[in-house]
Amino acid sequence: MPLKRYKFVVVGGGSAGIISATYLKKYWGDEVEVVLLYDRSIPGIGVGESLTPIIYDYLNYVGITRDELVENVNATVKLGLKFKGWTGKGSEYIHTFTEPNQDYTTLDYNVTSAYDIINNQYEYDITYDDFYFDQCKIPGEENANQSLHIDAVEFSKYAEEKFKDDLTIIDGNVQEVVRDGEDITHLVLKDGQVVEGDFFVDASGFKSILFNNLDVEWEDKSDWLPLDRCIPNPLPYKFDEQPPYTTAEASDEGWILQVPLSDRWGTGYLYSSKFCSDEQAFKNFEKFINVNYDTTLNNTEKVLKFKSGYWKEQWVGNCIAVGLSSGFTEPLEATNIHHTIFQIQEFTRMFNFKVFDYDVRIYNNTMNKFYEDVYLYLRFCYANGRKDTDFWKYMNDNTPKEVVEIEEKISNDIINFSSFRGGYMFSQGNFTKVAYGLGKIDKKRYKEILEKRNMYNQAKSNSSECKTIKSKNRITSVSHKEYINRILGKIE
């Protein structure tokens, strides 16, 4: 008689669910049965998802190629994010990923970036710059120093179809979560079916179907990030050139997301209900779409509601929460799917088919710090000094102490890796990019620091080497649009 396999039950059929299910199955193979449970009658939201480079950790691990996603889920290449209007009308700056082939050993102390800032050439540092953004080009060879834009709904469908023979897929609606102490013993579905499991993964999005039935406390971060509404609006569009970046454009009440998929813009109007009614938001968004895209809103009534915060414990008994089920941070820097991949990576690395209190504590501490670091960075992006509307006045008159402290540090000192030990997503390069874009860096002070540390000449040499590498990378760059068309079979 064959031994009973360890059984994971993943609740949720969106990107967090399919990523978790396929990763768990790939990691343990025939040692486990992985159930993917979700209600197929509930439609997904596929406006357009902006990702971070961690997506390649997942894709390479489970065996999905970038070309597959371009061909099947309207994917495009992403090299970074453009901030428009965050420091005033007509302003813009970019936050981008590090170019390939750069020597990371020269970057730990951030002195190369400091030199470039001092000499007014920071726009052309080790990261992708205006050359790629303005000319809509991408590196000639795929690498992990870039990311993707995808249709999340189509991605979930594609991944499920690709790996369906490896998973046990159940179409159902969870009506009851049955527990024995902290542990979940089984789920009862609407049709009466009982689904048992050894370990459960809540990937059900904002509903948090499992965690809302556990004894867990919510950490509310709405005072940090008060945005709690989004009007999604997929906008069919024929691109002459394919932008390799996401755009976040500031509005009077928040900001507007613009994600370029191969066949459309995925746009969304993000705002706070404390400062703007739904009716006014629709009017504002309609005006923006009309002025910028010469068309009207496709969505005239749907509003997504959310709340900034996270569960203080994200591993309880025999259940973890991943993605939006674990917490929410607004999509300014594409943290949602990044969270999911990071969470499932950390879980699989420490779990060995038995729940240890030690693992639970370490995991929960790690995830709490992860979320707090993300909130610190996102809130820092709002420290632009604007007070021209009630929303921006609130954001700049109520800056959290932690943000004030790091702003003071970055403005007057060259931050480095040691300032972010234990940080998991954003560190010196990310904060420095935003600080520079917001005009917060004292160049004179930076120069004094480099000279006092006898690092100025070394930083100058590092900068020169980085520029040489950038020049070589440009030679091999290709048109983003031509790459997309080639994969879609539109050109030879």
Protein backbone atom coordinates (compact mmCIF):
# COMPACT_ATOMS: atom_id res chain seq x y z
CA MET A 1 0.00 0.00 0.00
CA PRO A 2 1.53 3.37 -1.05
CA LEU A 3 2.38 5.87 1.64
CA LYS A 4 -0.03 8.78 2.04
CA ARG A 5 1.38 11.92 0.47
CA TYR A 6 1.51 15.18 2.43
CA LYS A 7 -1.41 17.31 1.27
CA PHE A 8 -1.30 21.07 0.68
CA VAL A 9 -4.58 22.88 0.03
CA VAL A 10 -4.20 26.26 -1.70
CA VAL A 11 -7.37 28.38 -1.57
CA GLY A 12 -7.55 30.93 -4.38
CA GLY A 13 -7.25 30.73 -8.14
CA GLY A 14 -5.57 34.07 -8.89
CA SER A 15 -1.89 34.71 -9.46
CA ALA A 16 -1.03 34.15 -5.77
CA GLY A 17 -2.83 30.80 -5.78
CA ILE A 18 -1.32 29.41 -8.97
CA ILE A 19 2.17 30.65 -8.07
CA SER A 20 1.96 29.04 -4.62
CA ALA A 21 0.51 25.76 -5.88
CA THR A 22 3.00 25.29 -8.71
CA TYR A 23 5.95 26.31 -6.55
CA LEU A 24 5.00 23.88 -3.77
CA LYS A 25 4.59 21.04 -6.28
CA LYS A 26 7.87 21.80 -8.02
CA TYR A 27 9.71 21.99 -4.69
CA TRP A 28 8.50 18.67 -3.26
CA GLY A 29 7.39 16.78 -6.35
CA ASP A 30 5.82 13.39 -5.74
CA GLU A 31 6.23 13.77 -1.98
CA VAL A 32 3.15 15.96 -1.91
CA GLU A 33 -0.33 16.39 -3.32
CA VAL A 34 -1.20 20.01 -4.02
CA VAL A 35 -4.88 20.96 -4.22
CA LEU A 36 -5.82 24.23 -5.94
CA LEU A 37 -9.29 25.19 -4.73
CA TYR A 38 -11.24 28.16 -6.06
CA ASP A 39 -14.61 29.24 -7.37
CA ARG A 40 -14.45 29.40 -11.16
CA SER A 41 -17.66 31.44 -11.32
CA ILE A 42 -15.94 34.48 -9.81
CA PRO A 43 -14.23 36.50 -12.57
CA GLY A 44 -10.70 37.75 -12.09
CA ILE A 45 -9.47 41.31 -12.56
CA GLY A 46 -6.96 41.55 -15.41
CA VAL A 47 -6.28 45.25 -15.79
CA GLY A 48 -2.53 44.81 -16.06
CA GLU A 49 -0.01 43.67 -13.46
CA SER A 50 3.39 45.30 -13.07
CA LEU A 51 6.06 42.98 -11.64
CA THR A 52 9.55 43.09 -10.14
CA PRO A 53 12.64 41.04 -11.14
CA ILE A 54 11.80 38.38 -8.54
CA ILE A 55 9.34 37.00 -11.10
CA TYR A 56 12.30 35.34 -12.80
CA ASP A 57 13.00 33.37 -9.62
CA TYR A 58 9.57 31.82 -10.05
CA LEU A 59 9.53 31.46 -13.85
CA ASN A 60 12.95 29.83 -14.04
CA TYR A 61 12.14 27.52 -11.14
CA VAL A 62 8.87 26.11 -12.46
CA GLY A 63 9.84 26.24 -16.15
CA ILE A 64 7.98 29.09 -17.84
CA THR A 65 9.77 31.28 -20.37
CA ARG A 66 9.34 34.97 -21.04
CA ASP A 67 8.49 34.23 -24.67
CA GLU A 68 5.61 32.00 -23.51
CA LEU A 69 4.14 34.86 -21.52
CA VAL A 70 4.51 37.36 -24.36
CA GLU A 71 2.77 34.92 -26.67
CA ASN A 72 -0.02 33.88 -24.29
CA VAL A 73 -0.71 36.54 -21.62
CA ASN A 74 -0.04 39.86 -23.43
CA ALA A 75 3.22 40.27 -21.51
CA THR A 76 5.75 43.03 -22.16
CA VAL A 77 9.21 43.74 -20.75
CA LYS A 78 9.54 46.11 -17.80
CA LEU A 79 12.76 47.98 -16.98
CA GLY A 80 11.39 50.27 -14.29
CA LEU A 81 8.87 52.87 -13.19
CA LYS A 82 8.32 56.46 -14.34
CA PHE A 83 7.03 58.93 -11.74
CA LYS A 84 5.12 61.74 -13.46
CA GLY A 85 3.99 64.91 -11.71
CA TRP A 86 5.06 63.85 -8.22
CA THR A 87 7.07 67.04 -7.66
CA GLY A 88 4.81 69.32 -9.67
CA LYS A 89 3.08 69.63 -13.02
CA GLY A 90 5.27 68.44 -15.89
CA SER A 91 7.92 66.88 -13.64
CA GLU A 92 9.12 63.31 -14.00
CA TYR A 93 11.85 60.99 -12.83
CA ILE A 94 12.52 57.28 -13.21
CA HIS A 95 13.23 54.46 -10.79
CA THR A 96 14.75 51.60 -12.73
CA PHE A 97 16.48 48.27 -12.29
CA THR A 98 20.24 47.81 -12.45
CA GLU A 99 21.58 47.16 -15.94
CA PRO A 100 23.15 43.74 -16.62
CA ASN A 101 26.90 43.15 -16.31
CA GLN A 102 27.46 45.83 -13.67
CA ASP A 103 29.87 44.93 -10.86
CA TYR A 104 27.83 44.74 -7.68
CA THR A 105 30.94 44.70 -5.49
CA THR A 106 31.40 48.40 -6.25
CA LEU A 107 27.85 49.26 -5.25
CA ASP A 108 27.53 48.14 -1.64
CA TYR A 109 28.58 51.49 -0.22
CA ASN A 110 26.66 53.50 -2.84
CA VAL A 111 29.73 55.66 -3.57
CA THR A 112 29.39 55.29 -7.35
CA SER A 113 25.88 56.69 -7.22
CA ALA A 114 27.06 59.46 -4.89
CA TYR A 115 29.76 60.46 -7.40
CA ASP A 116 27.23 60.54 -10.23
CA ILE A 117 24.89 62.68 -8.15
CA ILE A 118 27.63 65.14 -7.32
CA ASN A 119 28.59 65.46 -10.98
CA ASN A 120 25.01 65.78 -12.30
CA GLN A 121 25.06 62.50 -14.21
CA TYR A 122 23.00 60.32 -11.90
CA GLU A 123 20.38 59.84 -14.61
CA TYR A 124 23.03 57.76 -16.38
CA ASP A 125 24.28 55.65 -13.51
CA ILE A 126 24.27 51.86 -13.27
CA THR A 127 20.52 51.59 -13.90
CA TYR A 128 18.52 51.68 -17.12
CA ASP A 129 18.18 55.29 -18.23
CA ASP A 130 16.35 57.53 -20.69
CA PHE A 131 18.02 55.77 -23.61
CA TYR A 132 15.77 52.75 -23.01
CA PHE A 133 12.73 54.72 -21.88
CA ASP A 134 12.73 57.36 -24.65
CA GLN A 135 13.60 54.97 -27.46
CA CYS A 136 11.50 52.09 -26.13
CA LYS A 137 14.38 49.64 -26.23
CA ILE A 138 15.25 46.61 -24.13
CA PRO A 139 18.47 44.61 -23.64
CA GLY A 140 19.30 42.31 -26.53
CA GLU A 141 19.43 39.30 -24.25
CA GLU A 142 16.94 38.34 -21.55
CA ASN A 143 18.33 38.66 -18.03
CA ALA A 144 17.20 38.83 -14.41
CA ASN A 145 17.83 42.60 -14.25
CA GLN A 146 14.44 43.30 -15.75
CA SER A 147 10.83 42.30 -15.17
CA LEU A 148 7.47 42.02 -16.90
CA HIS A 149 4.00 43.44 -17.29
CA ILE A 150 1.33 40.75 -17.56
CA ASP A 151 -2.40 40.21 -17.68
CA ALA A 152 -2.73 38.52 -14.29
CA VAL A 153 -5.98 36.72 -15.17
CA GLU A 154 -4.56 35.28 -18.39
CA PHE A 155 -1.35 34.37 -16.55
CA SER A 156 -3.30 32.37 -13.96
CA LYS A 157 -5.23 30.57 -16.68
CA TYR A 158 -2.09 29.81 -18.65
CA ALA A 159 -0.09 28.51 -15.68
CA GLU A 160 -3.01 26.37 -14.50
CA GLU A 161 -3.40 24.81 -17.96
CA LYS A 162 0.35 24.21 -18.23
CA PHE A 163 0.60 22.47 -14.85
CA LYS A 164 -2.92 21.04 -14.47
CA ASP A 165 -1.69 17.43 -14.53
CA ASP A 166 0.54 18.14 -11.51
CA LEU A 167 -2.25 19.61 -9.39
CA THR A 168 -5.59 18.48 -7.99
CA ILE A 169 -7.96 21.25 -9.05
CA ILE A 170 -11.31 21.68 -7.28
CA ASP A 171 -14.00 24.13 -8.37
CA GLY A 172 -15.82 25.17 -5.22
CA ASN A 173 -16.83 27.85 -2.77
CA VAL A 174 -15.63 27.59 0.83
CA GLN A 175 -18.53 27.90 3.27
CA GLU A 176 -16.93 26.72 6.50
CA VAL A 177 -13.41 26.53 7.90
CA VAL A 178 -13.25 23.79 10.53
CA ARG A 179 -10.50 24.01 13.15
CA ASP A 180 -8.99 21.97 15.93
CA GLY A 181 -7.30 24.60 18.06
CA GLU A 182 -5.01 26.64 15.81
CA ASP A 183 -4.99 24.00 13.07
CA ILE A 184 -7.45 23.76 10.21
CA THR A 185 -8.71 20.19 9.83
CA HIS A 186 -10.89 20.58 6.76
CA LEU A 187 -12.98 22.91 4.63
CA VAL A 188 -16.66 22.49 3.85
CA LEU A 189 -17.71 23.71 0.42
CA LYS A 190 -21.05 25.17 -0.62
CA ASP A 191 -22.03 21.90 -2.31
CA GLY A 192 -21.30 19.94 0.88
CA GLN A 193 -17.97 18.57 -0.28
CA VAL A 194 -15.33 18.22 2.42
CA VAL A 195 -11.70 19.06 1.58
CA GLU A 196 -9.15 17.82 4.08
CA GLY A 197 -5.49 18.77 4.15
CA ASP A 198 -2.29 18.70 6.17
CA PHE A 199 -1.37 22.31 5.45
CA PHE A 200 -3.40 25.20 4.03
CA VAL A 201 -2.39 28.28 2.03
CA ASP A 202 -4.72 31.28 1.98
CA ALA A 203 -4.32 32.86 -1.45
CA SER A 204 -7.89 34.15 -1.68
CA GLY A 205 -7.02 37.83 -2.06
CA PHE A 206 -8.84 40.54 -0.13
CA LYS A 207 -11.40 38.01 1.13
CA SER A 208 -8.78 36.22 3.28
CA ILE A 209 -11.17 33.27 3.43
CA LEU A 210 -9.02 31.23 5.79
CA PHE A 211 -7.36 33.93 7.89
CA ASN A 212 -10.62 35.67 8.63
CA ASN A 213 -11.52 32.46 10.47
CA LEU A 214 -8.32 32.40 12.52
CA ASP A 215 -7.43 34.34 15.67
CA VAL A 216 -5.15 36.93 14.09
CA GLU A 217 -4.72 40.66 14.66
CA TRP A 218 -4.65 43.14 11.76
CA GLU A 219 -1.97 45.85 11.62
CA ASP A 220 -3.72 48.89 10.14
CA LYS A 221 -1.44 51.11 8.04
CA SER A 222 -4.12 53.37 6.55
CA ASP A 223 -2.69 56.36 8.40
CA TRP A 224 0.55 55.79 6.48
CA LEU A 225 -1.07 55.10 3.11
CA PRO A 226 -4.71 56.28 3.09
CA LEU A 227 -5.45 55.28 -0.51
CA ASP A 228 -8.30 52.76 -0.32
CA ARG A 229 -9.99 52.83 -3.74
CA CYS A 230 -9.08 51.99 -7.32
CA ILE A 231 -11.11 52.40 -10.51
CA PRO A 232 -9.70 49.77 -12.92
CA ASN A 233 -9.91 50.52 -16.62
CA PRO A 234 -8.39 48.26 -19.30
CA LEU A 235 -7.86 50.45 -22.36
CA PRO A 236 -7.38 48.76 -25.78
CA TYR A 237 -4.50 50.45 -27.55
CA LYS A 238 -2.35 49.98 -30.63
CA PHE A 239 1.23 50.88 -29.80
CA ASP A 240 3.54 52.42 -32.41
CA GLU A 241 6.34 51.89 -29.89
CA GLN A 242 6.13 49.59 -26.86
CA PRO A 243 7.06 51.36 -23.59
CA PRO A 244 9.30 49.19 -21.36
CA TYR A 245 8.14 50.81 -18.13
CA THR A 246 5.17 51.37 -15.83
CA THR A 247 3.94 54.92 -15.25
CA ALA A 248 2.63 56.30 -11.96
CA GLU A 249 1.18 59.76 -12.62
CA ALA A 250 0.26 61.92 -9.64
CA SER A 251 -3.29 63.27 -9.39
CA ASP A 252 -4.93 65.64 -6.91
CA GLU A 253 -6.19 62.70 -4.81
CA GLY A 254 -3.53 60.05 -5.37
CA TRP A 255 -2.06 58.72 -8.60
CA ILE A 256 -2.91 56.98 -11.87
CA LEU A 257 -1.46 53.59 -12.80
CA GLN A 258 -0.57 52.96 -16.45
CA VAL A 259 0.69 49.49 -17.34
CA PRO A 260 1.54 48.82 -21.02
CA LEU A 261 0.53 45.31 -22.10
CA SER A 262 1.06 44.25 -25.71
CA ASP A 263 -2.57 44.92 -26.68
CA ARG A 264 -3.69 47.63 -24.26
CA TRP A 265 -2.96 50.00 -21.43
CA GLY A 266 -3.97 48.75 -18.02
CA THR A 267 -4.99 51.94 -16.25
CA GLY A 268 -6.26 52.52 -12.74
CA TYR A 269 -7.23 55.59 -10.73
CA LEU A 270 -6.05 55.21 -7.12
CA TYR A 271 -7.41 57.56 -4.48
CA SER A 272 -8.50 57.93 -0.88
CA SER A 273 -12.19 57.99 -0.02
CA LYS A 274 -11.28 60.39 2.81
CA PHE A 275 -10.43 63.05 0.26
CA CYS A 276 -12.49 62.15 -2.80
CA SER A 277 -15.91 60.62 -3.45
CA ASP A 278 -16.32 57.78 -5.93
CA GLU A 279 -18.42 60.05 -8.13
CA GLN A 280 -15.73 62.71 -8.26
CA ALA A 281 -13.01 60.11 -8.89
CA PHE A 282 -14.88 58.81 -11.95
CA LYS A 283 -15.19 62.37 -13.27
CA ASN A 284 -11.49 63.02 -12.71
CA PHE A 285 -10.48 59.74 -14.31
CA GLU A 286 -12.79 60.33 -17.29
CA LYS A 287 -11.13 63.70 -17.88
CA PHE A 288 -7.66 62.16 -17.64
CA ILE A 289 -8.49 59.38 -20.11
CA ASN A 290 -10.07 61.85 -22.52
CA VAL A 291 -7.10 64.26 -22.45
CA ASN A 292 -4.34 61.64 -22.53
CA TYR A 293 -5.87 58.88 -24.66
CA ASP A 294 -8.61 60.69 -26.58
CA THR A 295 -11.27 58.22 -25.50
CA THR A 296 -13.71 57.52 -22.67
CA LEU A 297 -13.72 55.20 -19.67
CA ASN A 298 -14.63 51.57 -20.34
CA ASN A 299 -15.49 51.11 -16.68
CA THR A 300 -18.24 53.42 -15.45
CA GLU A 301 -19.22 51.80 -12.13
CA LYS A 302 -16.72 49.26 -10.76
CA VAL A 303 -14.61 50.38 -7.80
CA LEU A 304 -12.10 48.14 -6.03
CA LYS A 305 -11.97 48.71 -2.28
CA PHE A 306 -9.02 47.82 -0.10
CA LYS A 307 -7.30 48.75 3.14
CA SER A 308 -3.62 49.26 3.82
CA GLY A 309 -2.25 46.85 6.40
CA TYR A 310 -1.24 43.26 7.08
CA TRP A 311 -1.84 40.35 9.44
CA LYS A 312 0.60 40.53 12.37
CA GLU A 313 0.90 36.75 12.14
CA GLN A 314 1.00 35.31 8.64
CA TRP A 315 1.70 31.75 9.70
CA VAL A 316 -0.81 30.37 12.21
CA GLY A 317 -0.94 26.66 13.03
CA ASN A 318 -0.99 24.78 9.73
CA CYS A 319 -1.87 27.77 7.55
CA ILE A 320 -0.02 30.65 5.90
CA ALA A 321 -1.41 33.65 4.02
CA VAL A 322 0.23 34.84 0.81
CA GLY A 323 -0.23 37.80 -1.51
CA LEU A 324 -3.26 40.00 -0.92
CA SER A 325 -4.56 37.55 1.69
CA SER A 326 -1.61 38.45 3.91
CA GLY A 327 -1.88 42.21 3.54
CA PHE A 328 -2.09 45.09 1.11
CA THR A 329 0.34 47.72 -0.07
CA GLU A 330 -0.77 49.94 -2.90
CA PRO A 331 0.66 48.90 -6.32
CA LEU A 332 3.03 51.85 -6.69
CA GLU A 333 6.11 49.60 -6.83
CA ALA A 334 4.58 46.28 -7.91
CA THR A 335 4.84 44.60 -4.51
CA ASN A 336 1.88 42.19 -4.65
CA ILE A 337 3.26 39.27 -6.67
CA HIS A 338 6.72 40.00 -5.25
CA HIS A 339 5.23 39.35 -1.80
CA THR A 340 3.75 36.04 -2.92
CA ILE A 341 6.98 34.70 -4.38
CA PHE A 342 9.05 35.85 -1.40
CA GLN A 343 6.57 34.31 1.04
CA ILE A 344 6.43 30.91 -0.66
CA GLN A 345 10.21 30.85 -1.05
CA GLU A 346 10.76 31.54 2.63
CA PHE A 347 8.16 28.98 3.67
CA THR A 348 9.54 26.14 1.55
CA ARG A 349 13.10 26.83 2.71
CA MET A 350 12.22 26.28 6.36
CA PHE A 351 9.30 23.83 6.29
CA ASN A 352 9.84 20.07 6.50
CA PHE A 353 6.33 18.61 6.92
CA LYS A 354 6.16 19.50 10.61
CA VAL A 355 5.17 22.78 12.22
CA PHE A 356 7.77 24.04 14.68
CA ASP A 357 7.08 27.07 16.87
CA TYR A 358 10.59 28.31 16.06
CA ASP A 359 9.88 28.36 12.33
CA VAL A 360 6.54 30.08 12.85
CA ARG A 361 8.13 32.83 14.94
CA ILE A 362 11.01 33.43 12.50
CA TYR A 363 8.66 33.43 9.52
CA ASN A 364 6.24 35.89 11.13
CA ASN A 365 9.04 38.21 12.23
CA THR A 366 10.46 38.13 8.70
CA MET A 367 7.13 38.97 7.09
CA ASN A 368 6.39 41.76 9.55
CA LYS A 369 9.73 43.37 8.76
CA PHE A 370 9.16 42.81 5.06
CA TYR A 371 5.86 44.69 5.17
CA GLU A 372 7.21 47.46 7.38
CA ASP A 373 10.17 48.00 5.03
CA VAL A 374 7.81 48.22 2.06
CA TYR A 375 5.58 50.73 3.86
CA LEU A 376 8.61 52.82 4.78
CA TYR A 377 9.72 52.99 1.16
CA LEU A 378 6.27 53.65 -0.30
CA ARG A 379 5.55 56.39 2.21
CA PHE A 380 8.93 57.97 1.43
CA CYS A 381 7.81 58.30 -2.21
CA TYR A 382 5.10 60.71 -1.03
CA ALA A 383 7.52 63.05 0.79
CA ASN A 384 7.49 65.54 -2.07
CA GLY A 385 6.50 68.67 -0.16
CA ARG A 386 3.24 69.12 -2.09
CA LYS A 387 0.38 70.77 -0.20
CA ASP A 388 -1.76 72.01 -3.09
CA THR A 389 -4.72 69.70 -2.31
CA ASP A 390 -6.17 68.24 0.88
CA PHE A 391 -4.73 64.82 0.04
CA TRP A 392 -1.19 66.05 -0.55
CA LYS A 393 -1.38 68.36 2.45
CA TYR A 394 -2.25 65.37 4.61
CA MET A 395 0.58 63.29 3.17
CA ASN A 396 3.17 65.98 3.84
CA ASP A 397 1.83 67.33 7.14
CA ASN A 398 1.53 63.86 8.69
CA THR A 399 4.80 62.23 7.68
CA PRO A 400 5.59 59.30 10.03
CA LYS A 401 8.62 59.67 12.27
CA GLU A 402 10.42 56.78 10.57
CA VAL A 403 10.09 58.49 7.18
CA VAL A 404 11.34 61.81 8.58
CA GLU A 405 14.36 60.03 10.03
CA ILE A 406 15.35 58.28 6.83
CA GLU A 407 14.76 61.46 4.83
CA GLU A 408 17.18 63.31 7.11
CA LYS A 409 19.73 60.51 6.77
CA ILE A 410 19.57 60.30 2.96
CA SER A 411 19.62 64.05 2.50
CA ASN A 412 22.84 64.46 4.45
CA ASP A 413 24.66 61.14 4.30
CA ILE A 414 25.49 58.50 1.70
CA ILE A 415 23.35 55.54 2.68
CA ASN A 416 24.77 52.08 2.04
CA PHE A 417 24.00 48.40 2.49
CA SER A 418 24.57 48.58 6.24
CA SER A 419 21.66 50.99 6.59
CA PHE A 420 19.30 48.26 5.39
CA ARG A 421 20.55 45.02 6.91
CA GLY A 422 17.66 42.63 6.99
CA GLY A 423 15.73 44.59 4.39
CA TYR A 424 14.10 42.37 1.80
CA MET A 425 12.93 44.51 -1.11
CA PHE A 426 14.07 48.12 -1.04
CA SER A 427 17.53 49.28 0.00
CA GLN A 428 20.10 52.01 -0.68
CA GLY A 429 19.72 52.16 -4.45
CA ASN A 430 15.92 52.40 -4.32
CA PHE A 431 15.81 55.07 -1.63
CA THR A 432 18.58 57.08 -3.29
CA LYS A 433 16.75 57.09 -6.63
CA VAL A 434 13.58 58.44 -5.04
CA ALA A 435 15.43 60.94 -2.85
CA TYR A 436 17.20 62.28 -5.93
CA GLY A 437 13.96 62.43 -7.89
CA LEU A 438 12.33 64.37 -5.06
CA GLY A 439 15.28 66.77 -4.92
CA LYS A 440 16.28 65.91 -1.36
CA ILE A 441 20.02 65.25 -1.65
CA ASP A 442 22.66 67.77 -0.53
CA LYS A 443 25.31 67.35 -3.25
CA LYS A 444 27.86 69.47 -1.41
CA ARG A 445 27.53 67.27 1.66
CA TYR A 446 27.91 64.10 -0.45
CA LYS A 447 31.13 65.41 -1.96
CA GLU A 448 32.53 66.23 1.47
CA ILE A 449 31.79 62.70 2.66
CA LEU A 450 33.50 61.04 -0.33
CA GLU A 451 36.56 63.21 0.10
CA LYS A 452 36.80 62.66 3.86
CA ARG A 453 36.57 58.90 3.33
CA ASN A 454 39.19 59.06 0.56
CA MET A 455 36.67 57.44 -1.79
CA TYR A 456 36.22 60.17 -4.38
CA ASN A 457 38.80 58.88 -6.87
CA GLN A 458 37.65 55.27 -6.44
CA ALA A 459 34.05 56.34 -7.00
CA LYS A 460 35.11 58.25 -10.10
CA SER A 461 36.85 55.15 -11.46
CA ASN A 462 33.83 52.97 -10.65
CA SER A 463 31.56 55.43 -12.43
CA SER A 464 33.74 55.38 -15.54
CA GLU A 465 33.67 51.57 -15.62
CA CYS A 466 29.88 51.57 -15.25
CA LYS A 467 29.53 54.01 -18.15
CA THR A 468 31.71 51.77 -20.35
CA ILE A 469 29.48 48.80 -19.58
CA LYS A 470 26.38 50.88 -20.33
CA SER A 471 27.79 51.83 -23.73
CA LYS A 472 28.36 48.18 -24.59
CA ASN A 473 24.84 47.28 -23.44
CA ARG A 474 23.35 49.94 -25.70
CA ILE A 475 24.99 48.48 -28.78
CA THR A 476 23.20 45.16 -28.28
CA SER A 477 19.82 46.67 -27.29
CA VAL A 478 16.78 46.01 -29.47
CA SER A 479 13.40 47.58 -30.16
CA HIS A 480 10.85 46.42 -27.60
CA LYS A 481 8.07 46.58 -30.19
CA GLU A 482 10.04 44.48 -32.69
CA TYR A 483 10.73 41.88 -30.03
CA ILE A 484 7.03 41.64 -29.15
CA ASN A 485 6.01 41.45 -32.83
CA ARG A 486 8.55 38.70 -33.50
CA ILE A 487 7.19 36.55 -30.69
CA LEU A 488 3.62 37.15 -31.83
CA GLY A 489 4.57 36.18 -35.36
CA LYS A 490 3.93 39.60 -36.86
CA ILE A 491 7.42 39.88 -38.39
CA GLU A 492 10.01 37.40 -39.57
